[in-house]
């Protein structure tokens, strides 16, 4: 199973759209992710593993309470075999006058490693 499919599978419990890259749908709460690989554990001039650095982005309306969902997402990431994620609030500054145009943006960062033959 690819890293991308593991992420989508791990997030299926949410019922939210979960896309690699850009989400073009109409849901107001959704997940996107990006994953970058780095070669690791070189032997005989070739990497033996790929280290994957992943960012999972949760977008939701500013007024929504996402505390329970964020805890569930972190637990699901770890249960799927990834490292326990860090959590970053990337929403920017929220001013009362901007509430209609602002979106809550939470970023979860985590890692995994796979053998080159997997």
PDB file of N, CA and C in Angstrom:
ATOM      1  N   UNK A   1       0.859  -1.182   0.000  1.00  0.00           N
ATOM      2  CA  UNK A   1       0.000   0.000   0.000  1.00  0.00           C
ATOM      3  C   UNK A   1       0.899   1.238   0.000  1.00  0.00           C
ATOM      4  N   UNK A   2       0.603   2.181  -0.863  1.00  0.00           N
ATOM      5  CA  UNK A   2       1.398   3.402  -0.964  1.00  0.00           C
ATOM      6  C   UNK A   2       1.155   4.312   0.241  1.00  0.00           C
ATOM      7  N   UNK A   3       2.077   5.239   0.449  1.00  0.00           N
ATOM      8  CA  UNK A   3       1.923   6.216   1.526  1.00  0.00           C
ATOM      9  C   UNK A   3       0.629   6.989   1.337  1.00  0.00           C
ATOM     10  N   UNK A   4       0.366   7.393   0.106  1.00  0.00           N
ATOM     11  CA  UNK A   4      -0.847   8.158  -0.180  1.00  0.00           C
ATOM     12  C   UNK A   4      -2.108   7.379   0.170  1.00  0.00           C
ATOM     13  N   UNK A   5      -2.162   6.111  -0.209  1.00  0.00           N
ATOM     14  CA  UNK A   5      -3.353   5.318   0.095  1.00  0.00           C
ATOM     15  C   UNK A   5      -3.483   5.044   1.591  1.00  0.00           C
ATOM     16  N   UNK A   6      -2.368   4.948   2.306  1.00  0.00           N
ATOM     17  CA  UNK A   6      -2.422   4.776   3.763  1.00  0.00           C
ATOM     18  C   UNK A   6      -3.034   6.001   4.435  1.00  0.00           C
ATOM     19  N   UNK A   7      -2.693   7.180   3.922  1.00  0.00           N
ATOM     20  CA  UNK A   7      -3.238   8.421   4.488  1.00  0.00           C
ATOM     21  C   UNK A   7      -4.746   8.488   4.245  1.00  0.00           C
ATOM     22  N   UNK A   8      -5.151   8.250   3.012  1.00  0.00           N
ATOM     23  CA  UNK A   8      -6.579   8.296   2.671  1.00  0.00           C
ATOM     24  C   UNK A   8      -7.350   7.267   3.498  1.00  0.00           C
ATOM     25  N   UNK A   9      -6.804   6.072   3.625  1.00  0.00           N
ATOM     26  CA  UNK A   9      -7.452   5.026   4.414  1.00  0.00           C
ATOM     27  C   UNK A   9      -7.558   5.424   5.884  1.00  0.00           C
ATOM     28  N   UNK A  10      -6.490   5.987   6.429  1.00  0.00           N
ATOM     29  CA  UNK A  10      -6.487   6.392   7.840  1.00  0.00           C
ATOM     30  C   UNK A  10      -7.505   7.492   8.120  1.00  0.00           C
ATOM     31  N   UNK A  11      -7.779   8.338   7.131  1.00  0.00           N
ATOM     32  CA  UNK A  11      -8.711   9.451   7.312  1.00  0.00           C
ATOM     33  C   UNK A  11     -10.140   9.108   6.927  1.00  0.00           C
ATOM     34  N   UNK A  12     -10.377   7.905   6.457  1.00  0.00           N
ATOM     35  CA  UNK A  12     -11.722   7.528   6.006  1.00  0.00           C
ATOM     36  C   UNK A  12     -12.758   7.598   7.125  1.00  0.00           C
ATOM     37  N   UNK A  13     -12.331   7.424   8.368  1.00  0.00           N
ATOM     38  CA  UNK A  13     -13.273   7.477   9.490  1.00  0.00           C
ATOM     39  C   UNK A  13     -13.956   8.842   9.598  1.00  0.00           C
ATOM     40  N   UNK A  14     -13.323   9.887   9.082  1.00  0.00           N
ATOM     41  CA  UNK A  14     -13.882  11.240   9.212  1.00  0.00           C
ATOM     42  C   UNK A  14     -15.083  11.459   8.301  1.00  0.00           C
ATOM     43  N   UNK A  15     -15.136  10.720   7.192  1.00  0.00           N
ATOM     44  CA  UNK A  15     -16.177  10.953   6.205  1.00  0.00           C
ATOM     45  C   UNK A  15     -15.931  12.207   5.378  1.00  0.00           C
ATOM     46  N   UNK A  16     -14.780  12.855   5.574  1.00  0.00           N
ATOM     47  CA  UNK A  16     -14.450  14.086   4.861  1.00  0.00           C
ATOM     48  C   UNK A  16     -13.700  13.764   3.569  1.00  0.00           C
ATOM     49  N   UNK A  17     -13.832  14.613   2.567  1.00  0.00           N
ATOM     50  CA  UNK A  17     -12.997  14.446   1.387  1.00  0.00           C
ATOM     51  C   UNK A  17     -11.524  14.533   1.800  1.00  0.00           C
ATOM     52  N   UNK A  18     -10.680  13.668   1.259  1.00  0.00           N
ATOM     53  CA  UNK A  18      -9.249  13.665   1.558  1.00  0.00           C
ATOM     54  C   UNK A  18      -8.517  13.486   0.238  1.00  0.00           C
ATOM     55  N   UNK A  19      -7.807  14.528  -0.194  1.00  0.00           N
ATOM     56  CA  UNK A  19      -7.167  14.517  -1.508  1.00  0.00           C
ATOM     57  C   UNK A  19      -5.671  14.820  -1.400  1.00  0.00           C
ATOM     58  N   UNK A  20      -4.917  14.187  -2.284  1.00  0.00           N
ATOM     59  CA  UNK A  20      -3.506  14.509  -2.423  1.00  0.00           C
ATOM     60  C   UNK A  20      -3.422  15.764  -3.286  1.00  0.00           C
ATOM     61  N   UNK A  21      -2.887  16.827  -2.742  1.00  0.00           N
ATOM     62  CA  UNK A  21      -2.775  18.078  -3.482  1.00  0.00           C
ATOM     63  C   UNK A  21      -3.944  19.005  -3.238  1.00  0.00           C
ATOM     64  N   UNK A  22      -4.651  19.361  -4.280  1.00  0.00           N
ATOM     65  CA  UNK A  22      -5.709  20.375  -4.209  1.00  0.00           C
ATOM     66  C   UNK A  22      -7.083  19.721  -4.209  1.00  0.00           C
ATOM     67  N   UNK A  23      -7.955  20.206  -3.326  1.00  0.00           N
ATOM     68  CA  UNK A  23      -9.352  19.766  -3.299  1.00  0.00           C
ATOM     69  C   UNK A  23     -10.185  20.798  -4.045  1.00  0.00           C
ATOM     70  N   UNK A  24     -10.943  20.360  -5.037  1.00  0.00           N
ATOM     71  CA  UNK A  24     -11.745  21.275  -5.857  1.00  0.00           C
ATOM     72  C   UNK A  24     -13.239  21.109  -5.635  1.00  0.00           C
ATOM     73  N   UNK A  25     -13.621  20.397  -4.579  1.00  0.00           N
ATOM     74  CA  UNK A  25     -15.033  20.156  -4.323  1.00  0.00           C
ATOM     75  C   UNK A  25     -15.705  21.307  -3.602  1.00  0.00           C
ATOM     76  N   UNK A  26     -16.911  21.039  -3.103  1.00  0.00           N
ATOM     77  CA  UNK A  26     -17.711  22.086  -2.472  1.00  0.00           C
ATOM     78  C   UNK A  26     -17.829  21.947  -0.959  1.00  0.00           C
ATOM     79  N   UNK A  27     -17.260  20.880  -0.372  1.00  0.00           N
ATOM     80  CA  UNK A  27     -17.350  20.702   1.082  1.00  0.00           C
ATOM     81  C   UNK A  27     -16.624  21.843   1.790  1.00  0.00           C
ATOM     82  N   UNK A  28     -17.173  22.290   2.915  1.00  0.00           N
ATOM     83  CA  UNK A  28     -16.530  23.369   3.662  1.00  0.00           C
ATOM     84  C   UNK A  28     -15.495  22.839   4.651  1.00  0.00           C
ATOM     85  N   UNK A  29     -15.570  21.556   4.973  1.00  0.00           N
ATOM     86  CA  UNK A  29     -14.567  20.916   5.819  1.00  0.00           C
ATOM     87  C   UNK A  29     -13.989  19.756   5.023  1.00  0.00           C
ATOM     88  N   UNK A  30     -12.675  19.746   4.873  1.00  0.00           N
ATOM     89  CA  UNK A  30     -12.021  18.727   4.057  1.00  0.00           C
ATOM     90  C   UNK A  30     -10.547  18.606   4.441  1.00  0.00           C
ATOM     91  N   UNK A  31      -9.896  17.578   3.894  1.00  0.00           N
ATOM     92  CA  UNK A  31      -8.488  17.300   4.154  1.00  0.00           C
ATOM     93  C   UNK A  31      -7.720  17.251   2.839  1.00  0.00           C
ATOM     94  N   UNK A  32      -6.518  17.801   2.846  1.00  0.00           N
ATOM     95  CA  UNK A  32      -5.597  17.616   1.736  1.00  0.00           C
ATOM     96  C   UNK A  32      -4.261  17.207   2.338  1.00  0.00           C
ATOM     97  N   UNK A  33      -3.391  16.663   1.518  1.00  0.00           N
ATOM     98  CA  UNK A  33      -2.064  16.303   2.016  1.00  0.00           C
ATOM     99  C   UNK A  33      -1.024  16.403   0.922  1.00  0.00           C
ATOM    100  N   UNK A  34       0.213  16.535   1.345  1.00  0.00           N
ATOM    101  CA  UNK A  34       1.357  16.454   0.457  1.00  0.00           C
ATOM    102  C   UNK A  34       2.402  15.584   1.148  1.00  0.00           C
ATOM    103  N   UNK A  35       3.117  14.799   0.342  1.00  0.00           N
ATOM    104  CA  UNK A  35       4.106  13.872   0.869  1.00  0.00           C
ATOM    105  C   UNK A  35       5.378  13.962   0.027  1.00  0.00           C
ATOM    106  N   UNK A  36       6.502  14.137   0.691  1.00  0.00           N
ATOM    107  CA  UNK A  36       7.799  14.238   0.024  1.00  0.00           C
ATOM    108  C   UNK A  36       8.697  13.116   0.506  1.00  0.00           C
ATOM    109  N   UNK A  37       9.421  12.494  -0.415  1.00  0.00           N
ATOM    110  CA  UNK A  37      10.307  11.400  -0.015  1.00  0.00           C
ATOM    111  C   UNK A  37      11.767  11.829  -0.093  1.00  0.00           C
ATOM    112  N   UNK A  38      12.551  11.263   0.816  1.00  0.00           N
ATOM    113  CA  UNK A  38      13.984  11.511   0.891  1.00  0.00           C
ATOM    114  C   UNK A  38      14.665  10.144   0.925  1.00  0.00           C
ATOM    115  N   UNK A  39      15.653   9.902   0.077  1.00  0.00           N
ATOM    116  CA  UNK A  39      16.351   8.628   0.145  1.00  0.00           C
ATOM    117  C   UNK A  39      17.133   8.532   1.452  1.00  0.00           C
ATOM    118  N   UNK A  40      17.182   7.314   2.019  1.00  0.00           N
ATOM    119  CA  UNK A  40      17.838   7.127   3.317  1.00  0.00           C
ATOM    120  C   UNK A  40      18.512   5.767   3.386  1.00  0.00           C
ATOM    121  N   UNK A  41      19.400   5.627   4.375  1.00  0.00           N
ATOM    122  CA  UNK A  41      20.076   4.358   4.668  1.00  0.00           C
ATOM    123  C   UNK A  41      20.799   3.804   3.438  1.00  0.00           C
ATOM    124  N   UNK A  42      21.773   4.560   2.951  1.00  0.00           N
ATOM    125  CA  UNK A  42      22.501   4.154   1.754  1.00  0.00           C
ATOM    126  C   UNK A  42      23.426   2.970   2.031  1.00  0.00           C
ATOM    127  N   UNK A  43      23.459   2.048   1.103  1.00  0.00           N
ATOM    128  CA  UNK A  43      24.386   0.918   1.098  1.00  0.00           C
ATOM    129  C   UNK A  43      24.693   0.597  -0.363  1.00  0.00           C
ATOM    130  N   UNK A  44      25.947   0.364  -0.669  1.00  0.00           N
ATOM    131  CA  UNK A  44      26.358   0.110  -2.061  1.00  0.00           C
ATOM    132  C   UNK A  44      25.874   1.220  -2.987  1.00  0.00           C
ATOM    133  N   UNK A  45      25.996   2.459  -2.514  1.00  0.00           N
ATOM    134  CA  UNK A  45      25.641   3.648  -3.293  1.00  0.00           C
ATOM    135  C   UNK A  45      24.169   3.743  -3.681  1.00  0.00           C
ATOM    136  N   UNK A  46      23.310   3.063  -2.969  1.00  0.00           N
ATOM    137  CA  UNK A  46      21.879   3.125  -3.274  1.00  0.00           C
ATOM    138  C   UNK A  46      21.083   3.228  -1.971  1.00  0.00           C
ATOM    139  N   UNK A  47      19.999   3.982  -1.983  1.00  0.00           N
ATOM    140  CA  UNK A  47      19.172   4.064  -0.769  1.00  0.00           C
ATOM    141  C   UNK A  47      18.463   2.740  -0.510  1.00  0.00           C
ATOM    142  N   UNK A  48      18.356   2.395   0.745  1.00  0.00           N
ATOM    143  CA  UNK A  48      17.649   1.178   1.135  1.00  0.00           C
ATOM    144  C   UNK A  48      16.223   1.485   1.584  1.00  0.00           C
ATOM    145  N   UNK A  49      15.973   2.742   1.935  1.00  0.00           N
ATOM    146  CA  UNK A  49      14.647   3.176   2.388  1.00  0.00           C
ATOM    147  C   UNK A  49      14.323   4.550   1.826  1.00  0.00           C
ATOM    148  N   UNK A  50      13.053   4.857   1.826  1.00  0.00           N
ATOM    149  CA  UNK A  50      12.584   6.209   1.557  1.00  0.00           C
ATOM    150  C   UNK A  50      11.968   6.735   2.838  1.00  0.00           C
ATOM    151  N   UNK A  51      12.395   7.899   3.254  1.00  0.00           N
ATOM    152  CA  UNK A  51      11.800   8.571   4.411  1.00  0.00           C
ATOM    153  C   UNK A  51      10.776   9.558   3.857  1.00  0.00           C
ATOM    154  N   UNK A  52       9.531   9.395   4.299  1.00  0.00           N
ATOM    155  CA  UNK A  52       8.435  10.239   3.814  1.00  0.00           C
ATOM    156  C   UNK A  52       8.093  11.302   4.848  1.00  0.00           C
ATOM    157  N   UNK A  53       8.089  12.558   4.426  1.00  0.00           N
ATOM    158  CA  UNK A  53       7.680  13.692   5.252  1.00  0.00           C
ATOM    159  C   UNK A  53       6.300  14.113   4.757  1.00  0.00           C
ATOM    160  N   UNK A  54       5.327  14.075   5.641  1.00  0.00           N
ATOM    161  CA  UNK A  54       3.941  14.284   5.243  1.00  0.00           C
ATOM    162  C   UNK A  54       3.333  15.469   5.985  1.00  0.00           C
ATOM    163  N   UNK A  55       2.566  16.247   5.264  1.00  0.00           N
ATOM    164  CA  UNK A  55       1.732  17.284   5.858  1.00  0.00           C
ATOM    165  C   UNK A  55       0.285  16.982   5.483  1.00  0.00           C
ATOM    166  N   UNK A  56      -0.554  16.861   6.494  1.00  0.00           N
ATOM    167  CA  UNK A  56      -1.986  16.676   6.303  1.00  0.00           C
ATOM    168  C   UNK A  56      -2.660  17.969   6.741  1.00  0.00           C
ATOM    169  N   UNK A  57      -3.492  18.533   5.870  1.00  0.00           N
ATOM    170  CA  UNK A  57      -4.127  19.832   6.129  1.00  0.00           C
ATOM    171  C   UNK A  57      -5.623  19.645   6.369  1.00  0.00           C
ATOM    172  N   UNK A  58      -6.089  20.149   7.491  1.00  0.00           N
ATOM    173  CA  UNK A  58      -7.520  20.163   7.795  1.00  0.00           C
ATOM    174  C   UNK A  58      -8.019  21.585   7.579  1.00  0.00           C
ATOM    175  N   UNK A  59      -9.005  21.733   6.707  1.00  0.00           N
ATOM    176  CA  UNK A  59      -9.658  23.025   6.464  1.00  0.00           C
ATOM    177  C   UNK A  59     -11.087  22.932   6.968  1.00  0.00           C
ATOM    178  N   UNK A  60     -11.507  23.945   7.712  1.00  0.00           N
ATOM    179  CA  UNK A  60     -12.860  23.958   8.268  1.00  0.00           C
ATOM    180  C   UNK A  60     -13.296  25.407   8.475  1.00  0.00           C
ATOM    181  N   UNK A  61     -14.604  25.651   8.521  1.00  0.00           N
ATOM    182  CA  UNK A  61     -15.077  27.005   8.827  1.00  0.00           C
ATOM    183  C   UNK A  61     -14.528  27.469  10.174  1.00  0.00           C
ATOM    184  N   UNK A  62     -14.218  28.729  10.268  1.00  0.00           N
ATOM    185  CA  UNK A  62     -13.620  29.297  11.479  1.00  0.00           C
ATOM    186  C   UNK A  62     -14.478  29.026  12.711  1.00  0.00           C
ATOM    187  N   UNK A  63     -15.778  29.078  12.558  1.00  0.00           N
ATOM    188  CA  UNK A  63     -16.663  28.935  13.710  1.00  0.00           C
ATOM    189  C   UNK A  63     -16.818  27.481  14.174  1.00  0.00           C
ATOM    190  N   UNK A  64     -16.305  26.519  13.403  1.00  0.00           N
ATOM    191  CA  UNK A  64     -16.475  25.117  13.790  1.00  0.00           C
ATOM    192  C   UNK A  64     -15.491  24.732  14.902  1.00  0.00           C
ATOM    193  N   UNK A  65     -15.957  23.872  15.786  1.00  0.00           N
ATOM    194  CA  UNK A  65     -15.121  23.361  16.875  1.00  0.00           C
ATOM    195  C   UNK A  65     -14.486  22.057  16.386  1.00  0.00           C
ATOM    196  N   UNK A  66     -13.185  22.089  16.161  1.00  0.00           N
ATOM    197  CA  UNK A  66     -12.483  20.932  15.607  1.00  0.00           C
ATOM    198  C   UNK A  66     -11.618  20.205  16.643  1.00  0.00           C
ATOM    199  N   UNK A  67     -11.763  20.518  17.909  1.00  0.00           N
ATOM    200  CA  UNK A  67     -10.890  19.934  18.935  1.00  0.00           C
ATOM    201  C   UNK A  67     -10.967  18.415  18.956  1.00  0.00           C
ATOM    202  N   UNK A  68     -12.149  17.852  19.026  1.00  0.00           N
ATOM    203  CA  UNK A  68     -12.294  16.391  19.077  1.00  0.00           C
ATOM    204  C   UNK A  68     -11.802  15.756  17.781  1.00  0.00           C
ATOM    205  N   UNK A  69     -12.119  16.361  16.644  1.00  0.00           N
ATOM    206  CA  UNK A  69     -11.691  15.830  15.360  1.00  0.00           C
ATOM    207  C   UNK A  69     -10.163  15.819  15.261  1.00  0.00           C
ATOM    208  N   UNK A  70      -9.511  16.882  15.720  1.00  0.00           N
ATOM    209  CA  UNK A  70      -8.048  16.938  15.668  1.00  0.00           C
ATOM    210  C   UNK A  70      -7.425  15.828  16.506  1.00  0.00           C
ATOM    211  N   UNK A  71      -7.972  15.556  17.667  1.00  0.00           N
ATOM    212  CA  UNK A  71      -7.462  14.469  18.510  1.00  0.00           C
ATOM    213  C   UNK A  71      -7.642  13.123  17.815  1.00  0.00           C
ATOM    214  N   UNK A  72      -8.786  12.928  17.190  1.00  0.00           N
ATOM    215  CA  UNK A  72      -9.065  11.672  16.479  1.00  0.00           C
ATOM    216  C   UNK A  72      -8.136  11.514  15.272  1.00  0.00           C
ATOM    217  N   UNK A  73      -7.875  12.590  14.569  1.00  0.00           N
ATOM    218  CA  UNK A  73      -6.984  12.546  13.410  1.00  0.00           C
ATOM    219  C   UNK A  73      -5.582  12.148  13.851  1.00  0.00           C
ATOM    220  N   UNK A  74      -5.093  12.747  14.925  1.00  0.00           N
ATOM    221  CA  UNK A  74      -3.744  12.410  15.412  1.00  0.00           C
ATOM    222  C   UNK A  74      -3.649  10.940  15.802  1.00  0.00           C
ATOM    223  N   UNK A  75      -4.652  10.438  16.483  1.00  0.00           N
ATOM    224  CA  UNK A  75      -4.654   9.028  16.883  1.00  0.00           C
ATOM    225  C   UNK A  75      -4.701   8.117  15.659  1.00  0.00           C
ATOM    226  N   UNK A  76      -5.492   8.473  14.658  1.00  0.00           N
ATOM    227  CA  UNK A  76      -5.612   7.659  13.448  1.00  0.00           C
ATOM    228  C   UNK A  76      -4.309   7.645  12.655  1.00  0.00           C
ATOM    229  N   UNK A  77      -3.612   8.761  12.633  1.00  0.00           N
ATOM    230  CA  UNK A  77      -2.317   8.825  11.949  1.00  0.00           C
ATOM    231  C   UNK A  77      -1.338   7.857  12.603  1.00  0.00           C
ATOM    232  N   UNK A  78      -1.275   7.900  13.921  1.00  0.00           N
ATOM    233  CA  UNK A  78      -0.360   7.005  14.625  1.00  0.00           C
ATOM    234  C   UNK A  78      -0.769   5.537  14.449  1.00  0.00           C
ATOM    235  N   UNK A  79      -2.044   5.248  14.531  1.00  0.00           N
ATOM    236  CA  UNK A  79      -2.530   3.867  14.363  1.00  0.00           C
ATOM    237  C   UNK A  79      -2.243   3.328  12.959  1.00  0.00           C
ATOM    238  N   UNK A  80      -2.108   4.202  11.979  1.00  0.00           N
ATOM    239  CA  UNK A  80      -1.820   3.780  10.606  1.00  0.00           C
ATOM    240  C   UNK A  80      -0.331   3.507  10.394  1.00  0.00           C
ATOM    241  N   UNK A  81       0.474   3.657  11.443  1.00  0.00           N
ATOM    242  CA  UNK A  81       1.893   3.335  11.346  1.00  0.00           C
ATOM    243  C   UNK A  81       2.806   4.518  11.104  1.00  0.00           C
ATOM    244  N   UNK A  82       2.265   5.717  11.124  1.00  0.00           N
ATOM    245  CA  UNK A  82       3.081   6.920  10.976  1.00  0.00           C
ATOM    246  C   UNK A  82       3.557   7.371  12.363  1.00  0.00           C
ATOM    247  N   UNK A  83       4.524   8.287  12.400  1.00  0.00           N
ATOM    248  CA  UNK A  83       4.925   8.874  13.680  1.00  0.00           C
ATOM    249  C   UNK A  83       3.782   9.726  14.218  1.00  0.00           C
ATOM    250  N   UNK A  84       3.745   9.935  15.529  1.00  0.00           N
ATOM    251  CA  UNK A  84       2.708  10.794  16.101  1.00  0.00           C
ATOM    252  C   UNK A  84       2.909  12.205  15.551  1.00  0.00           C
ATOM    253  N   UNK A  85       1.867  12.833  15.032  1.00  0.00           N
ATOM    254  CA  UNK A  85       2.029  14.108  14.338  1.00  0.00           C
ATOM    255  C   UNK A  85       2.163  15.315  15.264  1.00  0.00           C
ATOM    256  N   UNK A  86       2.908  16.289  14.758  1.00  0.00           N
ATOM    257  CA  UNK A  86       2.861  17.611  15.369  1.00  0.00           C
ATOM    258  C   UNK A  86       1.649  18.323  14.771  1.00  0.00           C
ATOM    259  N   UNK A  87       1.187  19.370  15.447  1.00  0.00           N
ATOM    260  CA  UNK A  87       0.004  20.101  14.985  1.00  0.00           C
ATOM    261  C   UNK A  87       0.330  21.578  14.946  1.00  0.00           C
ATOM    262  N   UNK A  88       0.042  22.216  13.818  1.00  0.00           N
ATOM    263  CA  UNK A  88       0.332  23.631  13.630  1.00  0.00           C
ATOM    264  C   UNK A  88      -0.942  24.337  13.203  1.00  0.00           C
ATOM    265  N   UNK A  89      -1.253  25.443  13.845  1.00  0.00           N
ATOM    266  CA  UNK A  89      -2.388  26.257  13.420  1.00  0.00           C
ATOM    267  C   UNK A  89      -1.871  27.249  12.380  1.00  0.00           C
ATOM    268  N   UNK A  90      -2.226  27.024  11.134  1.00  0.00           N
ATOM    269  CA  UNK A  90      -1.781  27.876  10.034  1.00  0.00           C
ATOM    270  C   UNK A  90      -2.886  28.799   9.551  1.00  0.00           C
ATOM    271  N   UNK A  91      -3.856  29.058  10.419  1.00  0.00           N
ATOM    272  CA  UNK A  91      -5.025  29.860  10.040  1.00  0.00           C
ATOM    273  C   UNK A  91      -4.704  31.318   9.813  1.00  0.00           C
ATOM    274  N   UNK A  92      -3.614  31.797  10.333  1.00  0.00           N
ATOM    275  CA  UNK A  92      -3.319  33.212  10.246  1.00  0.00           C
ATOM    276  C   UNK A  92      -4.066  33.937  11.347  1.00  0.00           C
ATOM    277  N   UNK A  93      -3.995  35.234  11.339  1.00  0.00           N
ATOM    278  CA  UNK A  93      -4.685  35.998  12.374  1.00  0.00           C
ATOM    279  C   UNK A  93      -6.160  36.100  12.028  1.00  0.00           C
ATOM    280  N   UNK A  94      -6.989  35.851  13.010  1.00  0.00           N
ATOM    281  CA  UNK A  94      -8.432  35.907  12.805  1.00  0.00           C
ATOM    282  C   UNK A  94      -8.973  37.149  13.497  1.00  0.00           C
ATOM    283  N   UNK A  95      -9.446  38.088  12.707  1.00  0.00           N
ATOM    284  CA  UNK A  95     -10.063  39.286  13.263  1.00  0.00           C
ATOM    285  C   UNK A  95     -11.559  39.185  13.063  1.00  0.00           C
ATOM    286  N   UNK A  96     -12.305  39.738  13.967  1.00  0.00           N
ATOM    287  CA  UNK A  96     -13.752  39.601  13.923  1.00  0.00           C
ATOM    288  C   UNK A  96     -14.343  40.029  12.585  1.00  0.00           C
ATOM    289  N   UNK A  97     -13.850  41.062  11.976  1.00  0.00           N
ATOM    290  CA  UNK A  97     -14.386  41.544  10.705  1.00  0.00           C
ATOM    291  C   UNK A  97     -14.074  40.631   9.538  1.00  0.00           C
ATOM    292  N   UNK A  98     -13.090  39.767   9.709  1.00  0.00           N
ATOM    293  CA  UNK A  98     -12.673  38.868   8.621  1.00  0.00           C
ATOM    294  C   UNK A  98     -13.322  37.491   8.708  1.00  0.00           C
ATOM    295  N   UNK A  99     -14.161  37.244   9.675  1.00  0.00           N
ATOM    296  CA  UNK A  99     -14.664  35.900   9.945  1.00  0.00           C
ATOM    297  C   UNK A  99     -15.347  35.258   8.748  1.00  0.00           C
ATOM    298  N   UNK A 100     -16.020  36.018   7.905  1.00  0.00           N
ATOM    299  CA  UNK A 100     -16.733  35.434   6.776  1.00  0.00           C
ATOM    300  C   UNK A 100     -15.790  34.862   5.723  1.00  0.00           C
ATOM    301  N   UNK A 101     -14.612  35.447   5.597  1.00  0.00           N
ATOM    302  CA  UNK A 101     -13.689  34.998   4.562  1.00  0.00           C
ATOM    303  C   UNK A 101     -12.583  34.087   5.090  1.00  0.00           C
ATOM    304  N   UNK A 102     -12.496  33.911   6.385  1.00  0.00           N
ATOM    305  CA  UNK A 102     -11.413  33.120   6.969  1.00  0.00           C
ATOM    306  C   UNK A 102     -11.788  31.649   7.092  1.00  0.00           C
ATOM    307  N   UNK A 103     -10.779  30.812   6.985  1.00  0.00           N
ATOM    308  CA  UNK A 103     -10.939  29.374   7.119  1.00  0.00           C
ATOM    309  C   UNK A 103      -9.942  28.886   8.156  1.00  0.00           C
ATOM    310  N   UNK A 104     -10.398  27.985   9.020  1.00  0.00           N
ATOM    311  CA  UNK A 104      -9.474  27.358   9.970  1.00  0.00           C
ATOM    312  C   UNK A 104      -8.607  26.385   9.183  1.00  0.00           C
ATOM    313  N   UNK A 105      -7.294  26.476   9.384  1.00  0.00           N
ATOM    314  CA  UNK A 105      -6.332  25.637   8.665  1.00  0.00           C
ATOM    315  C   UNK A 105      -5.378  25.031   9.686  1.00  0.00           C
ATOM    316  N   UNK A 106      -5.517  23.733   9.910  1.00  0.00           N
ATOM    317  CA  UNK A 106      -4.666  23.006  10.852  1.00  0.00           C
ATOM    318  C   UNK A 106      -3.773  22.065  10.052  1.00  0.00           C
ATOM    319  N   UNK A 107      -2.481  22.093  10.333  1.00  0.00           N
ATOM    320  CA  UNK A 107      -1.526  21.236   9.633  1.00  0.00           C
ATOM    321  C   UNK A 107      -0.981  20.200  10.609  1.00  0.00           C
ATOM    322  N   UNK A 108      -1.017  18.947  10.200  1.00  0.00           N
ATOM    323  CA  UNK A 108      -0.433  17.846  10.963  1.00  0.00           C
ATOM    324  C   UNK A 108       0.809  17.397  10.197  1.00  0.00           C
ATOM    325  N   UNK A 109       1.955  17.356  10.867  1.00  0.00           N
ATOM    326  CA  UNK A 109       3.186  16.906  10.225  1.00  0.00           C
ATOM    327  C   UNK A 109       3.635  15.607  10.856  1.00  0.00           C
ATOM    328  N   UNK A 110       3.990  14.634   9.997  1.00  0.00           N
ATOM    329  CA  UNK A 110       4.404  13.324  10.492  1.00  0.00           C
ATOM    330  C   UNK A 110       5.283  12.648   9.452  1.00  0.00           C
ATOM    331  N   UNK A 111       5.845  11.486   9.819  1.00  0.00           N
ATOM    332  CA  UNK A 111       6.772  10.780   8.948  1.00  0.00           C
ATOM    333  C   UNK A 111       6.500   9.292   8.918  1.00  0.00           C
ATOM    334  N   UNK A 112       7.093   8.658   7.925  1.00  0.00           N
ATOM    335  CA  UNK A 112       7.141   7.197   7.857  1.00  0.00           C
ATOM    336  C   UNK A 112       8.341   6.837   7.000  1.00  0.00           C
ATOM    337  N   UNK A 113       8.709   5.575   6.997  1.00  0.00           N
ATOM    338  CA  UNK A 113       9.789   5.092   6.150  1.00  0.00           C
ATOM    339  C   UNK A 113       9.350   3.779   5.505  1.00  0.00           C
ATOM    340  N   UNK A 114       9.800   3.582   4.275  1.00  0.00           N
ATOM    341  CA  UNK A 114       9.481   2.364   3.550  1.00  0.00           C
ATOM    342  C   UNK A 114      10.739   1.836   2.894  1.00  0.00           C
ATOM    343  N   UNK A 115      10.855   0.514   2.816  1.00  0.00           N
ATOM    344  CA  UNK A 115      11.948  -0.092   2.084  1.00  0.00           C
ATOM    345  C   UNK A 115      11.792   0.181   0.606  1.00  0.00           C
ATOM    346  N   UNK A 116      12.886   0.218  -0.112  1.00  0.00           N
ATOM    347  CA  UNK A 116      12.845   0.527  -1.537  1.00  0.00           C
ATOM    348  C   UNK A 116      12.100  -0.526  -2.345  1.00  0.00           C
ATOM    349  N   UNK A 117      12.004  -1.747  -1.822  1.00  0.00           N
ATOM    350  CA  UNK A 117      11.308  -2.804  -2.557  1.00  0.00           C
ATOM    351  C   UNK A 117       9.848  -2.934  -2.178  1.00  0.00           C
ATOM    352  N   UNK A 118       9.343  -2.041  -1.314  1.00  0.00           N
ATOM    353  CA  UNK A 118       7.937  -2.124  -0.872  1.00  0.00           C
ATOM    354  C   UNK A 118       7.024  -1.418  -1.856  1.00  0.00           C
TER     355      UNK A 118
END
